[in-house]
Amino acid sequence: RQAPGKEREFVAGINWSGDSTVYSD
């Protein structure tokens, strides 16, 4: 996601099989 005046930041990710996810703190 990217808000005005801010850099694009990671929110969440998921691998191809769906058994591993990562989230921003």
mmCIF file of all heavy atoms, coordinates in Angstrom:
data_MODEL
# 
_entry.id   MODEL 
# 
loop_
_atom_site.group_PDB 
_atom_site.id 
_atom_site.type_symbol 
_atom_site.label_atom_id 
_atom_site.label_alt_id 
_atom_site.label_comp_id 
_atom_site.label_asym_id 
_atom_site.label_entity_id 
_atom_site.label_seq_id 
_atom_site.pdbx_PDB_ins_code 
_atom_site.Cartn_x 
_atom_site.Cartn_y 
_atom_site.Cartn_z 
_atom_site.occupancy 
_atom_site.B_iso_or_equiv 
_atom_site.pdbx_formal_charge 
_atom_site.auth_seq_id 
_atom_site.auth_comp_id 
_atom_site.auth_asym_id 
_atom_site.auth_atom_id 
_atom_site.pdbx_PDB_model_num 
ATOM 1   N N   . ARG A 1 1  ? 0.840  -1.199  0.000  1.00 0.00 ? 1  ARG A N   1 
ATOM 2   C CA  . ARG A 1 1  ? 0.000  0.000   0.000  1.00 0.00 ? 1  ARG A CA  1 
ATOM 3   C C   . ARG A 1 1  ? 0.869  1.242   0.000  1.00 0.00 ? 1  ARG A C   1 
ATOM 4   O O   . ARG A 1 1  ? 2.002  1.234   0.477  1.00 0.00 ? 1  ARG A O   1 
ATOM 5   C CB  . ARG A 1 1  ? -0.961 0.010   1.196  1.00 0.00 ? 1  ARG A CB  1 
ATOM 6   C CG  . ARG A 1 1  ? -0.284 0.144   2.552  1.00 0.00 ? 1  ARG A CG  1 
ATOM 7   C CD  . ARG A 1 1  ? -1.311 0.020   3.662  1.00 0.00 ? 1  ARG A CD  1 
ATOM 8   N NE  . ARG A 1 1  ? -0.726 0.176   4.988  1.00 0.00 ? 1  ARG A NE  1 
ATOM 9   C CZ  . ARG A 1 1  ? -1.400 0.012   6.126  1.00 0.00 ? 1  ARG A CZ  1 
ATOM 10  N NH1 . ARG A 1 1  ? -2.685 -0.323  6.098  1.00 0.00 ? 1  ARG A NH1 1 
ATOM 11  N NH2 . ARG A 1 1  ? -0.784 0.174   7.291  1.00 0.00 ? 1  ARG A NH2 1 
ATOM 12  N N   . GLN A 1 2  ? 0.303  2.319   -0.547 1.00 0.00 ? 2  GLN A N   1 
ATOM 13  C CA  . GLN A 1 2  ? 1.021  3.576   -0.618 1.00 0.00 ? 2  GLN A CA  1 
ATOM 14  C C   . GLN A 1 2  ? 0.062  4.730   -0.360 1.00 0.00 ? 2  GLN A C   1 
ATOM 15  O O   . GLN A 1 2  ? -0.920 4.908   -1.078 1.00 0.00 ? 2  GLN A O   1 
ATOM 16  C CB  . GLN A 1 2  ? 1.692  3.755   -1.983 1.00 0.00 ? 2  GLN A CB  1 
ATOM 17  C CG  . GLN A 1 2  ? 2.577  4.973   -2.078 1.00 0.00 ? 2  GLN A CG  1 
ATOM 18  C CD  . GLN A 1 2  ? 3.442  4.963   -3.324 1.00 0.00 ? 2  GLN A CD  1 
ATOM 19  O OE1 . GLN A 1 2  ? 3.121  4.307   -4.307 1.00 0.00 ? 2  GLN A OE1 1 
ATOM 20  N NE2 . GLN A 1 2  ? 4.552  5.686   -3.274 1.00 0.00 ? 2  GLN A NE2 1 
ATOM 21  N N   . ALA A 1 3  ? 0.352  5.504   0.670  1.00 0.00 ? 3  ALA A N   1 
ATOM 22  C CA  . ALA A 1 3  ? -0.409 6.695   1.000  1.00 0.00 ? 3  ALA A CA  1 
ATOM 23  C C   . ALA A 1 3  ? 0.305  7.917   0.432  1.00 0.00 ? 3  ALA A C   1 
ATOM 24  O O   . ALA A 1 3  ? 1.517  7.887   0.204  1.00 0.00 ? 3  ALA A O   1 
ATOM 25  C CB  . ALA A 1 3  ? -0.569 6.830   2.510  1.00 0.00 ? 3  ALA A CB  1 
ATOM 26  N N   . PRO A 1 4  ? -0.417 9.020   0.190  1.00 0.00 ? 4  PRO A N   1 
ATOM 27  C CA  . PRO A 1 4  ? 0.226  10.224  -0.335 1.00 0.00 ? 4  PRO A CA  1 
ATOM 28  C C   . PRO A 1 4  ? 1.378  10.676  0.545  1.00 0.00 ? 4  PRO A C   1 
ATOM 29  O O   . PRO A 1 4  ? 1.249  10.767  1.767  1.00 0.00 ? 4  PRO A O   1 
ATOM 30  C CB  . PRO A 1 4  ? -0.909 11.248  -0.348 1.00 0.00 ? 4  PRO A CB  1 
ATOM 31  C CG  . PRO A 1 4  ? -2.151 10.424  -0.466 1.00 0.00 ? 4  PRO A CG  1 
ATOM 32  C CD  . PRO A 1 4  ? -1.869 9.183   0.329  1.00 0.00 ? 4  PRO A CD  1 
ATOM 33  N N   . GLY A 1 5  ? 2.513  10.960  -0.077 1.00 0.00 ? 5  GLY A N   1 
ATOM 34  C CA  . GLY A 1 5  ? 3.678  11.420  0.650  1.00 0.00 ? 5  GLY A CA  1 
ATOM 35  C C   . GLY A 1 5  ? 4.466  10.344  1.352  1.00 0.00 ? 5  GLY A C   1 
ATOM 36  O O   . GLY A 1 5  ? 5.453  10.661  2.030  1.00 0.00 ? 5  GLY A O   1 
ATOM 37  N N   . LYS A 1 6  ? 4.061  9.085   1.206  1.00 0.00 ? 6  LYS A N   1 
ATOM 38  C CA  . LYS A 1 6  ? 4.757  7.984   1.854  1.00 0.00 ? 6  LYS A CA  1 
ATOM 39  C C   . LYS A 1 6  ? 5.222  6.968   0.809  1.00 0.00 ? 6  LYS A C   1 
ATOM 40  O O   . LYS A 1 6  ? 4.694  6.900   -0.294 1.00 0.00 ? 6  LYS A O   1 
ATOM 41  C CB  . LYS A 1 6  ? 3.858  7.293   2.876  1.00 0.00 ? 6  LYS A CB  1 
ATOM 42  C CG  . LYS A 1 6  ? 3.356  8.194   3.995  1.00 0.00 ? 6  LYS A CG  1 
ATOM 43  C CD  . LYS A 1 6  ? 2.526  7.426   5.002  1.00 0.00 ? 6  LYS A CD  1 
ATOM 44  C CE  . LYS A 1 6  ? 3.357  6.401   5.737  1.00 0.00 ? 6  LYS A CE  1 
ATOM 45  N NZ  . LYS A 1 6  ? 2.561  5.686   6.780  1.00 0.00 ? 6  LYS A NZ  1 
ATOM 46  N N   . GLU A 1 7  ? 6.213  6.187   1.178  1.00 0.00 ? 7  GLU A N   1 
ATOM 47  C CA  . GLU A 1 7  ? 6.707  5.156   0.278  1.00 0.00 ? 7  GLU A CA  1 
ATOM 48  C C   . GLU A 1 7  ? 5.772  3.957   0.273  1.00 0.00 ? 7  GLU A C   1 
ATOM 49  O O   . GLU A 1 7  ? 4.999  3.742   1.214  1.00 0.00 ? 7  GLU A O   1 
ATOM 50  C CB  . GLU A 1 7  ? 8.119  4.727   0.687  1.00 0.00 ? 7  GLU A CB  1 
ATOM 51  C CG  . GLU A 1 7  ? 8.191  4.028   2.036  1.00 0.00 ? 7  GLU A CG  1 
ATOM 52  C CD  . GLU A 1 7  ? 9.607  3.643   2.416  1.00 0.00 ? 7  GLU A CD  1 
ATOM 53  O OE1 . GLU A 1 7  ? 10.526 3.964   1.652  1.00 0.00 ? 7  GLU A OE1 1 
ATOM 54  O OE2 . GLU A 1 7  ? 9.786  3.015   3.476  1.00 0.00 ? 7  GLU A OE2 1 
ATOM 55  N N   . ARG A 1 8  ? 5.846  3.173   -0.793 1.00 0.00 ? 8  ARG A N   1 
ATOM 56  C CA  . ARG A 1 8  ? 5.045  1.970   -0.878 1.00 0.00 ? 8  ARG A CA  1 
ATOM 57  C C   . ARG A 1 8  ? 5.557  0.943   0.129  1.00 0.00 ? 8  ARG A C   1 
ATOM 58  O O   . ARG A 1 8  ? 6.745  0.624   0.155  1.00 0.00 ? 8  ARG A O   1 
ATOM 59  C CB  . ARG A 1 8  ? 5.095  1.403   -2.296 1.00 0.00 ? 8  ARG A CB  1 
ATOM 60  C CG  . ARG A 1 8  ? 4.090  0.307   -2.569 1.00 0.00 ? 8  ARG A CG  1 
ATOM 61  C CD  . ARG A 1 8  ? 4.054  -0.056  -4.057 1.00 0.00 ? 8  ARG A CD  1 
ATOM 62  N NE  . ARG A 1 8  ? 3.698  1.091   -4.881 1.00 0.00 ? 8  ARG A NE  1 
ATOM 63  C CZ  . ARG A 1 8  ? 3.520  1.039   -6.196 1.00 0.00 ? 8  ARG A CZ  1 
ATOM 64  N NH1 . ARG A 1 8  ? 3.659  -0.106  -6.839 1.00 0.00 ? 8  ARG A NH1 1 
ATOM 65  N NH2 . ARG A 1 8  ? 3.208  2.139   -6.862 1.00 0.00 ? 8  ARG A NH2 1 
ATOM 66  N N   . GLU A 1 9  ? 4.666  0.425   0.962  1.00 0.00 ? 9  GLU A N   1 
ATOM 67  C CA  . GLU A 1 9  ? 5.069  -0.461  2.036  1.00 0.00 ? 9  GLU A CA  1 
ATOM 68  C C   . GLU A 1 9  ? 4.389  -1.823  1.922  1.00 0.00 ? 9  GLU A C   1 
ATOM 69  O O   . GLU A 1 9  ? 3.264  -1.950  1.442  1.00 0.00 ? 9  GLU A O   1 
ATOM 70  C CB  . GLU A 1 9  ? 4.751  0.160   3.405  1.00 0.00 ? 9  GLU A CB  1 
ATOM 71  C CG  . GLU A 1 9  ? 3.272  0.356   3.673  1.00 0.00 ? 9  GLU A CG  1 
ATOM 72  C CD  . GLU A 1 9  ? 2.992  0.888   5.069  1.00 0.00 ? 9  GLU A CD  1 
ATOM 73  O OE1 . GLU A 1 9  ? 3.934  0.983   5.882  1.00 0.00 ? 9  GLU A OE1 1 
ATOM 74  O OE2 . GLU A 1 9  ? 1.817  1.218   5.352  1.00 0.00 ? 9  GLU A OE2 1 
ATOM 75  N N   . PHE A 1 10 ? 5.081  -2.834  2.404  1.00 0.00 ? 10 PHE A N   1 
ATOM 76  C CA  . PHE A 1 10 ? 4.568  -4.193  2.411  1.00 0.00 ? 10 PHE A CA  1 
ATOM 77  C C   . PHE A 1 10 ? 3.445  -4.335  3.423  1.00 0.00 ? 10 PHE A C   1 
ATOM 78  O O   . PHE A 1 10 ? 3.522  -3.806  4.533  1.00 0.00 ? 10 PHE A O   1 
ATOM 79  C CB  . PHE A 1 10 ? 5.700  -5.166  2.742  1.00 0.00 ? 10 PHE A CB  1 
ATOM 80  C CG  . PHE A 1 10 ? 5.257  -6.588  2.922  1.00 0.00 ? 10 PHE A CG  1 
ATOM 81  C CD1 . PHE A 1 10 ? 5.014  -7.397  1.823  1.00 0.00 ? 10 PHE A CD1 1 
ATOM 82  C CD2 . PHE A 1 10 ? 5.087  -7.121  4.182  1.00 0.00 ? 10 PHE A CD2 1 
ATOM 83  C CE1 . PHE A 1 10 ? 4.604  -8.712  1.984  1.00 0.00 ? 10 PHE A CE1 1 
ATOM 84  C CE2 . PHE A 1 10 ? 4.682  -8.430  4.359  1.00 0.00 ? 10 PHE A CE2 1 
ATOM 85  C CZ  . PHE A 1 10 ? 4.437  -9.228  3.247  1.00 0.00 ? 10 PHE A CZ  1 
ATOM 86  N N   . VAL A 1 11 ? 2.401  -5.074  3.049  1.00 0.00 ? 11 VAL A N   1 
ATOM 87  C CA  . VAL A 1 11 ? 1.268  -5.329  3.925  1.00 0.00 ? 11 VAL A CA  1 
ATOM 88  C C   . VAL A 1 11 ? 1.197  -6.803  4.309  1.00 0.00 ? 11 VAL A C   1 
ATOM 89  O O   . VAL A 1 11 ? 1.182  -7.149  5.489  1.00 0.00 ? 11 VAL A O   1 
ATOM 90  C CB  . VAL A 1 11 ? -0.060 -4.897  3.279  1.00 0.00 ? 11 VAL A CB  1 
ATOM 91  C CG1 . VAL A 1 11 ? -1.238 -5.260  4.175  1.00 0.00 ? 11 VAL A CG1 1 
ATOM 92  C CG2 . VAL A 1 11 ? -0.051 -3.398  2.997  1.00 0.00 ? 11 VAL A CG2 1 
ATOM 93  N N   . ALA A 1 12 ? 1.142  -7.693  3.320  1.00 0.00 ? 12 ALA A N   1 
ATOM 94  C CA  . ALA A 1 12 ? 1.000  -9.119  3.581  1.00 0.00 ? 12 ALA A CA  1 
ATOM 95  C C   . ALA A 1 12 ? 1.445  -9.907  2.364  1.00 0.00 ? 12 ALA A C   1 
ATOM 96  O O   . ALA A 1 12 ? 1.386  -9.414  1.237  1.00 0.00 ? 12 ALA A O   1 
ATOM 97  C CB  . ALA A 1 12 ? -0.447 -9.477  3.935  1.00 0.00 ? 12 ALA A CB  1 
ATOM 98  N N   . GLY A 1 13 ? 1.887  -11.156 2.585  1.00 0.00 ? 13 GLY A N   1 
ATOM 99  C CA  . GLY A 1 13 ? 2.294  -12.025 1.498  1.00 0.00 ? 13 GLY A CA  1 
ATOM 100 C C   . GLY A 1 13 ? 1.856  -13.454 1.757  1.00 0.00 ? 13 GLY A C   1 
ATOM 101 O O   . GLY A 1 13 ? 1.654  -13.858 2.901  1.00 0.00 ? 13 GLY A O   1 
ATOM 102 N N   . ILE A 1 14 ? 1.729  -14.236 0.674  1.00 0.00 ? 14 ILE A N   1 
ATOM 103 C CA  . ILE A 1 14 ? 1.308  -15.631 0.775  1.00 0.00 ? 14 ILE A CA  1 
ATOM 104 C C   . ILE A 1 14 ? 2.020  -16.433 -0.302 1.00 0.00 ? 14 ILE A C   1 
ATOM 105 O O   . ILE A 1 14 ? 2.178  -15.979 -1.433 1.00 0.00 ? 14 ILE A O   1 
ATOM 106 C CB  . ILE A 1 14 ? -0.235 -15.752 0.659  1.00 0.00 ? 14 ILE A CB  1 
ATOM 107 C CG1 . ILE A 1 14 ? -0.700 -17.175 0.958  1.00 0.00 ? 14 ILE A CG1 1 
ATOM 108 C CG2 . ILE A 1 14 ? -0.716 -15.292 -0.715 1.00 0.00 ? 14 ILE A CG2 1 
ATOM 109 C CD1 . ILE A 1 14 ? -2.214 -17.270 1.140  1.00 0.00 ? 14 ILE A CD1 1 
ATOM 110 N N   . ASN A 1 15 ? 2.490  -17.639 0.056  1.00 0.00 ? 15 ASN A N   1 
ATOM 111 C CA  . ASN A 1 15 ? 3.195  -18.459 -0.915 1.00 0.00 ? 15 ASN A CA  1 
ATOM 112 C C   . ASN A 1 15 ? 2.214  -19.177 -1.834 1.00 0.00 ? 15 ASN A C   1 
ATOM 113 O O   . ASN A 1 15 ? 0.993  -19.091 -1.661 1.00 0.00 ? 15 ASN A O   1 
ATOM 114 C CB  . ASN A 1 15 ? 4.134  -19.442 -0.205 1.00 0.00 ? 15 ASN A CB  1 
ATOM 115 C CG  . ASN A 1 15 ? 3.399  -20.562 0.515  1.00 0.00 ? 15 ASN A CG  1 
ATOM 116 O OD1 . ASN A 1 15 ? 2.216  -20.460 0.835  1.00 0.00 ? 15 ASN A OD1 1 
ATOM 117 N ND2 . ASN A 1 15 ? 4.107  -21.656 0.773  1.00 0.00 ? 15 ASN A ND2 1 
ATOM 118 N N   . TRP A 1 16 ? 2.739  -19.922 -2.810 1.00 0.00 ? 16 TRP A N   1 
ATOM 119 C CA  . TRP A 1 16 ? 1.888  -20.485 -3.861 1.00 0.00 ? 16 TRP A CA  1 
ATOM 120 C C   . TRP A 1 16 ? 0.908  -21.514 -3.333 1.00 0.00 ? 16 TRP A C   1 
ATOM 121 O O   . TRP A 1 16 ? -0.201 -21.634 -3.865 1.00 0.00 ? 16 TRP A O   1 
ATOM 122 C CB  . TRP A 1 16 ? 2.744  -21.085 -4.974 1.00 0.00 ? 16 TRP A CB  1 
ATOM 123 C CG  . TRP A 1 16 ? 3.462  -22.347 -4.589 1.00 0.00 ? 16 TRP A CG  1 
ATOM 124 C CD1 . TRP A 1 16 ? 4.709  -22.458 -4.049 1.00 0.00 ? 16 TRP A CD1 1 
ATOM 125 C CD2 . TRP A 1 16 ? 2.963  -23.682 -4.721 1.00 0.00 ? 16 TRP A CD2 1 
ATOM 126 N NE1 . TRP A 1 16 ? 5.026  -23.780 -3.837 1.00 0.00 ? 16 TRP A NE1 1 
ATOM 127 C CE2 . TRP A 1 16 ? 3.973  -24.548 -4.243 1.00 0.00 ? 16 TRP A CE2 1 
ATOM 128 C CE3 . TRP A 1 16 ? 1.776  -24.228 -5.201 1.00 0.00 ? 16 TRP A CE3 1 
ATOM 129 C CZ2 . TRP A 1 16 ? 3.820  -25.930 -4.221 1.00 0.00 ? 16 TRP A CZ2 1 
ATOM 130 C CZ3 . TRP A 1 16 ? 1.622  -25.611 -5.175 1.00 0.00 ? 16 TRP A CZ3 1 
ATOM 131 C CH2 . TRP A 1 16 ? 2.634  -26.439 -4.694 1.00 0.00 ? 16 TRP A CH2 1 
ATOM 132 N N   . SER A 1 17 ? 1.288  -22.268 -2.310 1.00 0.00 ? 17 SER A N   1 
ATOM 133 C CA  . SER A 1 17 ? 0.413  -23.302 -1.773 1.00 0.00 ? 17 SER A CA  1 
ATOM 134 C C   . SER A 1 17 ? -0.538 -22.772 -0.702 1.00 0.00 ? 17 SER A C   1 
ATOM 135 O O   . SER A 1 17 ? -1.474 -23.472 -0.317 1.00 0.00 ? 17 SER A O   1 
ATOM 136 C CB  . SER A 1 17 ? 1.234  -24.448 -1.201 1.00 0.00 ? 17 SER A CB  1 
ATOM 137 O OG  . SER A 1 17 ? 2.047  -24.017 -0.123 1.00 0.00 ? 17 SER A OG  1 
ATOM 138 N N   . GLY A 1 18 ? -0.304 -21.560 -0.223 1.00 0.00 ? 18 GLY A N   1 
ATOM 139 C CA  . GLY A 1 18 ? -1.168 -20.963 0.779  1.00 0.00 ? 18 GLY A CA  1 
ATOM 140 C C   . GLY A 1 18 ? -0.891 -21.388 2.202  1.00 0.00 ? 18 GLY A C   1 
ATOM 141 O O   . GLY A 1 18 ? -1.649 -21.025 3.105  1.00 0.00 ? 18 GLY A O   1 
ATOM 142 N N   . ASP A 1 19 ? 0.179  -22.150 2.435  1.00 0.00 ? 19 ASP A N   1 
ATOM 143 C CA  . ASP A 1 19 ? 0.476  -22.638 3.774  1.00 0.00 ? 19 ASP A CA  1 
ATOM 144 C C   . ASP A 1 19 ? 1.490  -21.778 4.516  1.00 0.00 ? 19 ASP A C   1 
ATOM 145 O O   . ASP A 1 19 ? 1.892  -22.131 5.624  1.00 0.00 ? 19 ASP A O   1 
ATOM 146 C CB  . ASP A 1 19 ? 0.950  -24.093 3.731  1.00 0.00 ? 19 ASP A CB  1 
ATOM 147 C CG  . ASP A 1 19 ? 2.221  -24.281 2.919  1.00 0.00 ? 19 ASP A CG  1 
ATOM 148 O OD1 . ASP A 1 19 ? 2.723  -23.298 2.339  1.00 0.00 ? 19 ASP A OD1 1 
ATOM 149 O OD2 . ASP A 1 19 ? 2.717  -25.423 2.859  1.00 0.00 ? 19 ASP A OD2 1 
ATOM 150 N N   . SER A 1 20 ? 1.902  -20.653 3.928  1.00 0.00 ? 20 SER A N   1 
ATOM 151 C CA  . SER A 1 20 ? 2.838  -19.754 4.581  1.00 0.00 ? 20 SER A CA  1 
ATOM 152 C C   . SER A 1 20 ? 2.431  -18.318 4.287  1.00 0.00 ? 20 SER A C   1 
ATOM 153 O O   . SER A 1 20 ? 2.272  -17.943 3.122  1.00 0.00 ? 20 SER A O   1 
ATOM 154 C CB  . SER A 1 20 ? 4.267  -20.019 4.105  1.00 0.00 ? 20 SER A CB  1 
ATOM 155 O OG  . SER A 1 20 ? 5.185  -19.179 4.767  1.00 0.00 ? 20 SER A OG  1 
ATOM 156 N N   . THR A 1 21 ? 2.261  -17.517 5.331  1.00 0.00 ? 21 THR A N   1 
ATOM 157 C CA  . THR A 1 21 ? 1.876  -16.121 5.189  1.00 0.00 ? 21 THR A CA  1 
ATOM 158 C C   . THR A 1 21 ? 2.789  -15.239 6.019  1.00 0.00 ? 21 THR A C   1 
ATOM 159 O O   . THR A 1 21 ? 3.340  -15.667 7.036  1.00 0.00 ? 21 THR A O   1 
ATOM 160 C CB  . THR A 1 21 ? 0.420  -15.882 5.619  1.00 0.00 ? 21 THR A CB  1 
ATOM 161 O OG1 . THR A 1 21 ? 0.243  -16.324 6.965  1.00 0.00 ? 21 THR A OG1 1 
ATOM 162 C CG2 . THR A 1 21 ? -0.541 -16.650 4.720  1.00 0.00 ? 21 THR A CG2 1 
ATOM 163 N N   . VAL A 1 22 ? 2.946  -13.997 5.585  1.00 0.00 ? 22 VAL A N   1 
ATOM 164 C CA  . VAL A 1 22 ? 3.758  -13.005 6.276  1.00 0.00 ? 22 VAL A CA  1 
ATOM 165 C C   . VAL A 1 22 ? 2.966  -11.706 6.342  1.00 0.00 ? 22 VAL A C   1 
ATOM 166 O O   . VAL A 1 22 ? 2.329  -11.308 5.367  1.00 0.00 ? 22 VAL A O   1 
ATOM 167 C CB  . VAL A 1 22 ? 5.103  -12.770 5.567  1.00 0.00 ? 22 VAL A CB  1 
ATOM 168 C CG1 . VAL A 1 22 ? 5.925  -11.709 6.292  1.00 0.00 ? 22 VAL A CG1 1 
ATOM 169 C CG2 . VAL A 1 22 ? 5.895  -14.067 5.470  1.00 0.00 ? 22 VAL A CG2 1 
ATOM 170 N N   . TYR A 1 23 ? 3.006  -11.030 7.498  1.00 0.00 ? 23 TYR A N   1 
ATOM 171 C CA  . TYR A 1 23 ? 2.272  -9.789  7.688  1.00 0.00 ? 23 TYR A CA  1 
ATOM 172 C C   . TYR A 1 23 ? 3.184  -8.696  8.225  1.00 0.00 ? 23 TYR A C   1 
ATOM 173 O O   . TYR A 1 23 ? 4.139  -8.968  8.963  1.00 0.00 ? 23 TYR A O   1 
ATOM 174 C CB  . TYR A 1 23 ? 1.110  -9.975  8.674  1.00 0.00 ? 23 TYR A CB  1 
ATOM 175 C CG  . TYR A 1 23 ? 0.019  -10.890 8.186  1.00 0.00 ? 23 TYR A CG  1 
ATOM 176 C CD1 . TYR A 1 23 ? 0.018  -12.243 8.521  1.00 0.00 ? 23 TYR A CD1 1 
ATOM 177 C CD2 . TYR A 1 23 ? -1.012 -10.406 7.394  1.00 0.00 ? 23 TYR A CD2 1 
ATOM 178 C CE1 . TYR A 1 23 ? -0.982 -13.086 8.075  1.00 0.00 ? 23 TYR A CE1 1 
ATOM 179 C CE2 . TYR A 1 23 ? -2.017 -11.243 6.949  1.00 0.00 ? 23 TYR A CE2 1 
ATOM 180 C CZ  . TYR A 1 23 ? -2.001 -12.582 7.291  1.00 0.00 ? 23 TYR A CZ  1 
ATOM 181 O OH  . TYR A 1 23 ? -2.996 -13.413 6.850  1.00 0.00 ? 23 TYR A OH  1 
ATOM 182 N N   . SER A 1 24 ? 2.864  -7.461  7.870  1.00 0.00 ? 24 SER A N   1 
ATOM 183 C CA  . SER A 1 24 ? 3.524  -6.325  8.481  1.00 0.00 ? 24 SER A CA  1 
ATOM 184 C C   . SER A 1 24 ? 3.159  -6.254  9.959  1.00 0.00 ? 24 SER A C   1 
ATOM 185 O O   . SER A 1 24 ? 2.010  -6.485  10.340 1.00 0.00 ? 24 SER A O   1 
ATOM 186 C CB  . SER A 1 24 ? 3.112  -5.034  7.776  1.00 0.00 ? 24 SER A CB  1 
ATOM 187 O OG  . SER A 1 24 ? 3.528  -3.897  8.497  1.00 0.00 ? 24 SER A OG  1 
ATOM 188 N N   . ASP A 1 25 ? 4.137  -5.913  10.792 1.00 0.00 ? 25 ASP A N   1 
ATOM 189 C CA  . ASP A 1 25 ? 3.889  -5.815  12.226 1.00 0.00 ? 25 ASP A CA  1 
ATOM 190 C C   . ASP A 1 25 ? 2.906  -4.702  12.577 1.00 0.00 ? 25 ASP A C   1 
ATOM 191 O O   . ASP A 1 25 ? 2.310  -4.720  13.653 1.00 0.00 ? 25 ASP A O   1 
ATOM 192 C CB  . ASP A 1 25 ? 5.198  -5.586  12.977 1.00 0.00 ? 25 ASP A CB  1 
ATOM 193 C CG  . ASP A 1 25 ? 6.127  -6.782  12.929 1.00 0.00 ? 25 ASP A CG  1 
ATOM 194 O OD1 . ASP A 1 25 ? 5.637  -7.913  12.729 1.00 0.00 ? 25 ASP A OD1 1 
ATOM 195 O OD2 . ASP A 1 25 ? 7.346  -6.593  13.100 1.00 0.00 ? 25 ASP A OD2 1 
# 
